[in-house]
PDB file of all heavy atoms in Angstrom:
ATOM      1  N   ARG A   1     103.508 169.403 -14.219  1.00  0.00           N
ATOM      2  CA  ARG A   1     102.656 168.399 -14.882  1.00  0.00           C
ATOM      3  C   ARG A   1     101.176 168.676 -14.640  1.00  0.00           C
ATOM      4  O   ARG A   1     100.329 168.233 -15.413  1.00  0.00           O
ATOM      5  CB  ARG A   1     103.022 166.989 -14.398  1.00  0.00           C
ATOM      6  CG  ARG A   1     104.419 166.539 -14.825  1.00  0.00           C
ATOM      7  CD  ARG A   1     104.653 165.059 -14.568  1.00  0.00           C
ATOM      8  NE  ARG A   1     104.728 164.723 -13.155  1.00  0.00           N
ATOM      9  CZ  ARG A   1     105.834 164.789 -12.417  1.00  0.00           C
ATOM     10  NH1 ARG A   1     106.982 165.201 -12.978  1.00  0.00           N
ATOM     11  NH2 ARG A   1     105.824 164.455 -11.139  1.00  0.00           N
ATOM     12  N   ALA A   2     100.875 169.423 -13.583  1.00  0.00           N
ATOM     13  CA  ALA A   2      99.495 169.790 -13.263  1.00  0.00           C
ATOM     14  C   ALA A   2      99.141 171.171 -13.832  1.00  0.00           C
ATOM     15  O   ALA A   2      98.171 171.792 -13.394  1.00  0.00           O
ATOM     16  CB  ALA A   2      99.285 169.772 -11.758  1.00  0.00           C
ATOM     17  N   SER A   3      99.932 171.637 -14.788  1.00  0.00           N
ATOM     18  CA  SER A   3      99.682 172.881 -15.524  1.00  0.00           C
ATOM     19  C   SER A   3      99.920 174.149 -14.704  1.00  0.00           C
ATOM     20  O   SER A   3      99.333 175.190 -14.966  1.00  0.00           O
ATOM     21  CB  SER A   3      98.256 172.893 -16.102  1.00  0.00           C
ATOM     22  OG  SER A   3      98.071 171.823 -16.993  1.00  0.00           O
ATOM     23  N   VAL A   4     100.783 174.058 -13.702  1.00  0.00           N
ATOM     24  CA  VAL A   4     101.272 175.255 -13.006  1.00  0.00           C
ATOM     25  C   VAL A   4     102.649 175.542 -13.589  1.00  0.00           C
ATOM     26  O   VAL A   4     103.602 174.811 -13.325  1.00  0.00           O
ATOM     27  CB  VAL A   4     101.360 175.026 -11.485  1.00  0.00           C
ATOM     28  CG1 VAL A   4     101.972 176.249 -10.809  1.00  0.00           C
ATOM     29  CG2 VAL A   4      99.986 174.720 -10.908  1.00  0.00           C
ATOM     30  N   PRO A   5     102.801 176.597 -14.396  1.00  0.00           N
ATOM     31  CA  PRO A   5     104.036 176.766 -15.167  1.00  0.00           C
ATOM     32  C   PRO A   5     105.240 177.280 -14.401  1.00  0.00           C
ATOM     33  O   PRO A   5     106.379 176.973 -14.740  1.00  0.00           O
ATOM     34  CB  PRO A   5     103.628 177.768 -16.248  1.00  0.00           C
ATOM     35  CG  PRO A   5     102.523 178.561 -15.623  1.00  0.00           C
ATOM     36  CD  PRO A   5     101.792 177.609 -14.732  1.00  0.00           C
ATOM     37  N   THR A   6     105.002 178.091 -13.367  1.00  0.00           N
ATOM     38  CA  THR A   6     106.112 178.793 -12.710  1.00  0.00           C
ATOM     39  C   THR A   6     105.906 178.814 -11.204  1.00  0.00           C
ATOM     40  O   THR A   6     104.835 179.195 -10.732  1.00  0.00           O
ATOM     41  CB  THR A   6     106.204 180.245 -13.221  1.00  0.00           C
ATOM     42  OG1 THR A   6     106.187 180.249 -14.649  1.00  0.00           O
ATOM     43  CG2 THR A   6     107.482 180.908 -12.743  1.00  0.00           C
ATOM     44  N   VAL A   7     106.939 178.431 -10.456  1.00  0.00           N
ATOM     45  CA  VAL A   7     106.847 178.385  -8.997  1.00  0.00           C
ATOM     46  C   VAL A   7     108.050 179.127  -8.403  1.00  0.00           C
ATOM     47  O   VAL A   7     109.184 178.949  -8.846  1.00  0.00           O
ATOM     48  CB  VAL A   7     106.832 176.926  -8.480  1.00  0.00           C
ATOM     49  CG1 VAL A   7     106.740 176.893  -6.957  1.00  0.00           C
ATOM     50  CG2 VAL A   7     105.671 176.153  -9.106  1.00  0.00           C
ATOM     51  N   GLY A   8     107.788 179.953  -7.401  1.00  0.00           N
ATOM     52  CA  GLY A   8     108.856 180.679  -6.738  1.00  0.00           C
ATOM     53  C   GLY A   8     109.146 180.111  -5.359  1.00  0.00           C
ATOM     54  O   GLY A   8     108.228 179.709  -4.642  1.00  0.00           O
ATOM     55  N   VAL A   9     110.415 180.074  -4.988  1.00  0.00           N
ATOM     56  CA  VAL A   9     110.827 179.597  -3.662  1.00  0.00           C
ATOM     57  C   VAL A   9     111.826 180.598  -3.093  1.00  0.00           C
ATOM     58  O   VAL A   9     112.802 180.954  -3.758  1.00  0.00           O
ATOM     59  CB  VAL A   9     111.459 178.194  -3.723  1.00  0.00           C
ATOM     60  CG1 VAL A   9     111.778 177.703  -2.312  1.00  0.00           C
ATOM     61  CG2 VAL A   9     110.536 177.205  -4.428  1.00  0.00           C
ATOM     62  N   PHE A  10     111.596 181.020  -1.856  1.00  0.00           N
ATOM     63  CA  PHE A  10     112.383 182.098  -1.274  1.00  0.00           C
ATOM     64  C   PHE A  10     112.728 181.796   0.183  1.00  0.00           C
ATOM     65  O   PHE A  10     112.015 181.077   0.874  1.00  0.00           O
ATOM     66  CB  PHE A  10     111.603 183.418  -1.337  1.00  0.00           C
ATOM     67  CG  PHE A  10     110.914 183.651  -2.648  1.00  0.00           C
ATOM     68  CD1 PHE A  10     109.578 183.292  -2.820  1.00  0.00           C
ATOM     69  CD2 PHE A  10     111.595 184.197  -3.722  1.00  0.00           C
ATOM     70  CE1 PHE A  10     108.935 183.490  -4.037  1.00  0.00           C
ATOM     71  CE2 PHE A  10     110.960 184.400  -4.940  1.00  0.00           C
ATOM     72  CZ  PHE A  10     109.629 184.043  -5.105  1.00  0.00           C
ATOM     73  N   LYS A  11     113.836 182.413   0.636  1.00  0.00           N
ATOM     74  CA  LYS A  11     114.257 182.280   2.028  1.00  0.00           C
ATOM     75  C   LYS A  11     114.584 183.669   2.578  1.00  0.00           C
ATOM     76  O   LYS A  11     115.033 184.548   1.835  1.00  0.00           O
ATOM     77  CB  LYS A  11     115.483 181.373   2.134  1.00  0.00           C
ATOM     78  CG  LYS A  11     115.204 179.933   1.689  1.00  0.00           C
ATOM     79  CD  LYS A  11     116.431 179.045   1.839  1.00  0.00           C
ATOM     80  CE  LYS A  11     116.137 177.622   1.375  1.00  0.00           C
ATOM     81  NZ  LYS A  11     117.302 176.720   1.542  1.00  0.00           N
ATOM     82  N   PRO A  12     114.365 183.881   3.884  1.00  0.00           N
ATOM     83  CA  PRO A  12     114.668 185.186   4.481  1.00  0.00           C
ATOM     84  C   PRO A  12     116.139 185.549   4.331  1.00  0.00           C
ATOM     85  O   PRO A  12     117.015 184.672   4.276  1.00  0.00           O
ATOM     86  CB  PRO A  12     114.303 184.991   5.958  1.00  0.00           C
ATOM     87  CG  PRO A  12     113.333 183.846   5.965  1.00  0.00           C
ATOM     88  CD  PRO A  12     113.768 182.947   4.852  1.00  0.00           C
ATOM     89  N   VAL A  13     116.412 186.849   4.262  1.00  0.00           N
ATOM     90  CA  VAL A  13     117.792 187.323   4.190  1.00  0.00           C
ATOM     91  C   VAL A  13     118.508 187.020   5.510  1.00  0.00           C
ATOM     92  O   VAL A  13     117.881 186.772   6.543  1.00  0.00           O
ATOM     93  CB  VAL A  13     117.851 188.837   3.899  1.00  0.00           C
ATOM     94  CG1 VAL A  13     117.251 189.147   2.541  1.00  0.00           C
ATOM     95  CG2 VAL A  13     117.145 189.631   4.994  1.00  0.00           C
ATOM     96  N   GLU A  14     119.832 187.051   5.468  1.00  0.00           N
ATOM     97  CA  GLU A  14     120.652 186.640   6.604  1.00  0.00           C
ATOM     98  C   GLU A  14     120.393 187.456   7.866  1.00  0.00           C
ATOM     99  O   GLU A  14     120.532 186.943   8.987  1.00  0.00           O
ATOM    100  CB  GLU A  14     122.132 186.733   6.222  1.00  0.00           C
ATOM    101  CG  GLU A  14     122.562 185.771   5.123  1.00  0.00           C
ATOM    102  CD  GLU A  14     122.209 186.256   3.716  1.00  0.00           C
ATOM    103  OE1 GLU A  14     121.551 187.322   3.596  1.00  0.00           O
ATOM    104  OE2 GLU A  14     122.579 185.583   2.746  1.00  0.00           O
ATOM    105  N   SER A  15     120.013 188.720   7.717  1.00  0.00           N
ATOM    106  CA  SER A  15     119.804 189.590   8.873  1.00  0.00           C
ATOM    107  C   SER A  15     118.428 189.415   9.519  1.00  0.00           C
ATOM    108  O   SER A  15     118.170 189.961  10.598  1.00  0.00           O
ATOM    109  CB  SER A  15     119.973 191.057   8.461  1.00  0.00           C
ATOM    110  OG  SER A  15     119.065 191.391   7.417  1.00  0.00           O
ATOM    111  N   ASP A  16     117.542 188.646   8.889  1.00  0.00           N
ATOM    112  CA  ASP A  16     116.195 188.449   9.426  1.00  0.00           C
ATOM    113  C   ASP A  16     116.214 187.454  10.582  1.00  0.00           C
ATOM    114  O   ASP A  16     116.980 186.482  10.564  1.00  0.00           O
ATOM    115  CB  ASP A  16     115.260 187.947   8.322  1.00  0.00           C
ATOM    116  CG  ASP A  16     113.793 188.041   8.712  1.00  0.00           C
ATOM    117  OD1 ASP A  16     113.336 187.178   9.484  1.00  0.00           O
ATOM    118  OD2 ASP A  16     113.121 188.964   8.240  1.00  0.00           O
ATOM    119  N   SER A  17     115.343 187.662  11.561  1.00  0.00           N
ATOM    120  CA  SER A  17     115.291 186.766  12.723  1.00  0.00           C
ATOM    121  C   SER A  17     114.816 185.362  12.360  1.00  0.00           C
ATOM    122  O   SER A  17     115.041 184.413  13.112  1.00  0.00           O
ATOM    123  CB  SER A  17     114.367 187.348  13.793  1.00  0.00           C
ATOM    124  OG  SER A  17     113.044 187.488  13.299  1.00  0.00           O
ATOM    125  N   THR A  18     114.168 185.226  11.192  1.00  0.00           N
ATOM    126  CA  THR A  18     113.693 183.906  10.761  1.00  0.00           C
ATOM    127  C   THR A  18     114.649 183.233   9.774  1.00  0.00           C
ATOM    128  O   THR A  18     114.310 182.189   9.206  1.00  0.00           O
ATOM    129  CB  THR A  18     112.293 184.014  10.111  1.00  0.00           C
ATOM    130  OG1 THR A  18     112.380 184.837   8.934  1.00  0.00           O
ATOM    131  CG2 THR A  18     111.291 184.612  11.078  1.00  0.00           C
ATOM    132  N   TYR A  19     115.816 183.845   9.569  1.00  0.00           N
ATOM    133  CA  TYR A  19     116.802 183.238   8.667  1.00  0.00           C
ATOM    134  C   TYR A  19     117.158 181.834   9.170  1.00  0.00           C
ATOM    135  O   TYR A  19     117.418 181.621  10.351  1.00  0.00           O
ATOM    136  CB  TYR A  19     118.062 184.094   8.607  1.00  0.00           C
ATOM    137  CG  TYR A  19     119.182 183.476   7.785  1.00  0.00           C
ATOM    138  CD1 TYR A  19     119.096 183.398   6.403  1.00  0.00           C
ATOM    139  CD2 TYR A  19     120.322 182.979   8.408  1.00  0.00           C
ATOM    140  CE1 TYR A  19     120.114 182.839   5.651  1.00  0.00           C
ATOM    141  CE2 TYR A  19     121.354 182.421   7.670  1.00  0.00           C
ATOM    142  CZ  TYR A  19     121.239 182.346   6.287  1.00  0.00           C
ATOM    143  OH  TYR A  19     122.246 181.782   5.547  1.00  0.00           O
ATOM    144  N   GLY A  20     117.176 180.866   8.246  1.00  0.00           N
ATOM    145  CA  GLY A  20     117.466 179.489   8.621  1.00  0.00           C
ATOM    146  C   GLY A  20     116.314 178.801   9.322  1.00  0.00           C
ATOM    147  O   GLY A  20     116.487 177.704   9.878  1.00  0.00           O
ATOM    148  N   LYS A  21     115.100 179.414   9.244  1.00  0.00           N
ATOM    149  CA  LYS A  21     113.942 178.845   9.931  1.00  0.00           C
ATOM    150  C   LYS A  21     112.693 178.742   9.062  1.00  0.00           C
ATOM    151  O   LYS A  21     111.734 178.080   9.429  1.00  0.00           O
ATOM    152  CB  LYS A  21     113.596 179.680  11.168  1.00  0.00           C
ATOM    153  CG  LYS A  21     114.699 179.755  12.213  1.00  0.00           C
ATOM    154  CD  LYS A  21     114.305 180.676  13.352  1.00  0.00           C
ATOM    155  CE  LYS A  21     115.430 180.801  14.373  1.00  0.00           C
ATOM    156  NZ  LYS A  21     115.084 181.743  15.472  1.00  0.00           N
ATOM    157  N   ARG A  22     112.715 179.408   7.896  1.00  0.00           N
ATOM    158  CA  ARG A  22     111.511 179.420   7.054  1.00  0.00           C
ATOM    159  C   ARG A  22     111.866 179.322   5.571  1.00  0.00           C
ATOM    160  O   ARG A  22     112.917 179.783   5.137  1.00  0.00           O
ATOM    161  CB  ARG A  22     110.699 180.700   7.277  1.00  0.00           C
ATOM    162  CG  ARG A  22     110.017 180.781   8.621  1.00  0.00           C
ATOM    163  CD  ARG A  22     109.153 182.021   8.702  1.00  0.00           C
ATOM    164  NE  ARG A  22     108.563 182.170  10.019  1.00  0.00           N
ATOM    165  CZ  ARG A  22     107.816 183.195  10.396  1.00  0.00           C
ATOM    166  NH1 ARG A  22     107.572 184.175   9.538  1.00  0.00           N
ATOM    167  NH2 ARG A  22     107.321 183.252  11.621  1.00  0.00           N
ATOM    168  N   ILE A  23     110.937 178.760   4.817  1.00  0.00           N
ATOM    169  CA  ILE A  23     110.983 178.739   3.359  1.00  0.00           C
ATOM    170  C   ILE A  23     109.610 179.169   2.864  1.00  0.00           C
ATOM    171  O   ILE A  23     108.581 178.679   3.349  1.00  0.00           O
ATOM    172  CB  ILE A  23     111.330 177.342   2.809  1.00  0.00           C
ATOM    173  CG1 ILE A  23     112.762 176.947   3.189  1.00  0.00           C
ATOM    174  CG2 ILE A  23     111.162 177.308   1.282  1.00  0.00           C
ATOM    175  CD1 ILE A  23     113.147 175.547   2.749  1.00  0.00           C
ATOM    176  N   TYR A  24     109.584 180.090   1.888  1.00  0.00           N
ATOM    177  CA  TYR A  24     108.344 180.595   1.310  1.00  0.00           C
ATOM    178  C   TYR A  24     108.203 180.060  -0.116  1.00  0.00           C
ATOM    179  O   TYR A  24     109.152 180.126  -0.899  1.00  0.00           O
ATOM    180  CB  TYR A  24     108.353 182.120   1.271  1.00  0.00           C
ATOM    181  CG  TYR A  24     108.311 182.774   2.642  1.00  0.00           C
ATOM    182  CD1 TYR A  24     109.464 182.835   3.439  1.00  0.00           C
ATOM    183  CD2 TYR A  24     107.143 183.324   3.137  1.00  0.00           C
ATOM    184  CE1 TYR A  24     109.431 183.429   4.701  1.00  0.00           C
ATOM    185  CE2 TYR A  24     107.105 183.925   4.391  1.00  0.00           C
ATOM    186  CZ  TYR A  24     108.244 183.970   5.165  1.00  0.00           C
ATOM    187  OH  TYR A  24     108.214 184.546   6.409  1.00  0.00           O
ATOM    188  N   VAL A  25     107.023 179.561  -0.434  1.00  0.00           N
ATOM    189  CA  VAL A  25     106.752 179.040  -1.771  1.00  0.00           C
ATOM    190  C   VAL A  25     105.560 179.794  -2.362  1.00  0.00           C
ATOM    191  O   VAL A  25     104.515 179.926  -1.710  1.00  0.00           O
ATOM    192  CB  VAL A  25     106.440 177.527  -1.741  1.00  0.00           C
ATOM    193  CG1 VAL A  25     106.262 176.985  -3.163  1.00  0.00           C
ATOM    194  CG2 VAL A  25     107.542 176.766  -1.010  1.00  0.00           C
ATOM    195  N   LEU A  26     105.715 180.311  -3.583  1.00  0.00           N
ATOM    196  CA  LEU A  26     104.648 181.036  -4.274  1.00  0.00           C
ATOM    197  C   LEU A  26     104.172 180.189  -5.454  1.00  0.00           C
ATOM    198  O   LEU A  26     104.935 179.919  -6.381  1.00  0.00           O
ATOM    199  CB  LEU A  26     105.155 182.390  -4.756  1.00  0.00           C
ATOM    200  CG  LEU A  26     104.192 183.231  -5.609  1.00  0.00           C
ATOM    201  CD1 LEU A  26     102.923 183.561  -4.840  1.00  0.00           C
ATOM    202  CD2 LEU A  26     104.885 184.515  -6.082  1.00  0.00           C
ATOM    203  N   ILE A  27     102.898 179.775  -5.384  1.00  0.00           N
ATOM    204  CA  ILE A  27     102.323 178.908  -6.419  1.00  0.00           C
ATOM    205  C   ILE A  27     101.143 179.631  -7.068  1.00  0.00           C
ATOM    206  O   ILE A  27     100.149 179.924  -6.391  1.00  0.00           O
ATOM    207  CB  ILE A  27     101.836 177.572  -5.828  1.00  0.00           C
ATOM    208  CG1 ILE A  27     102.959 176.904  -5.014  1.00  0.00           C
ATOM    209  CG2 ILE A  27     101.343 176.639  -6.932  1.00  0.00           C
ATOM    210  CD1 ILE A  27     102.499 175.675  -4.233  1.00  0.00           C
TER     211      ILE A  27
END
């Protein structure tokens, strides 16, 4: 609604030490 058309959301792969601990958002 604020004219940002596309947003990405990602999580570390299972083998990463931060798996289950981080979420990445690309705006």
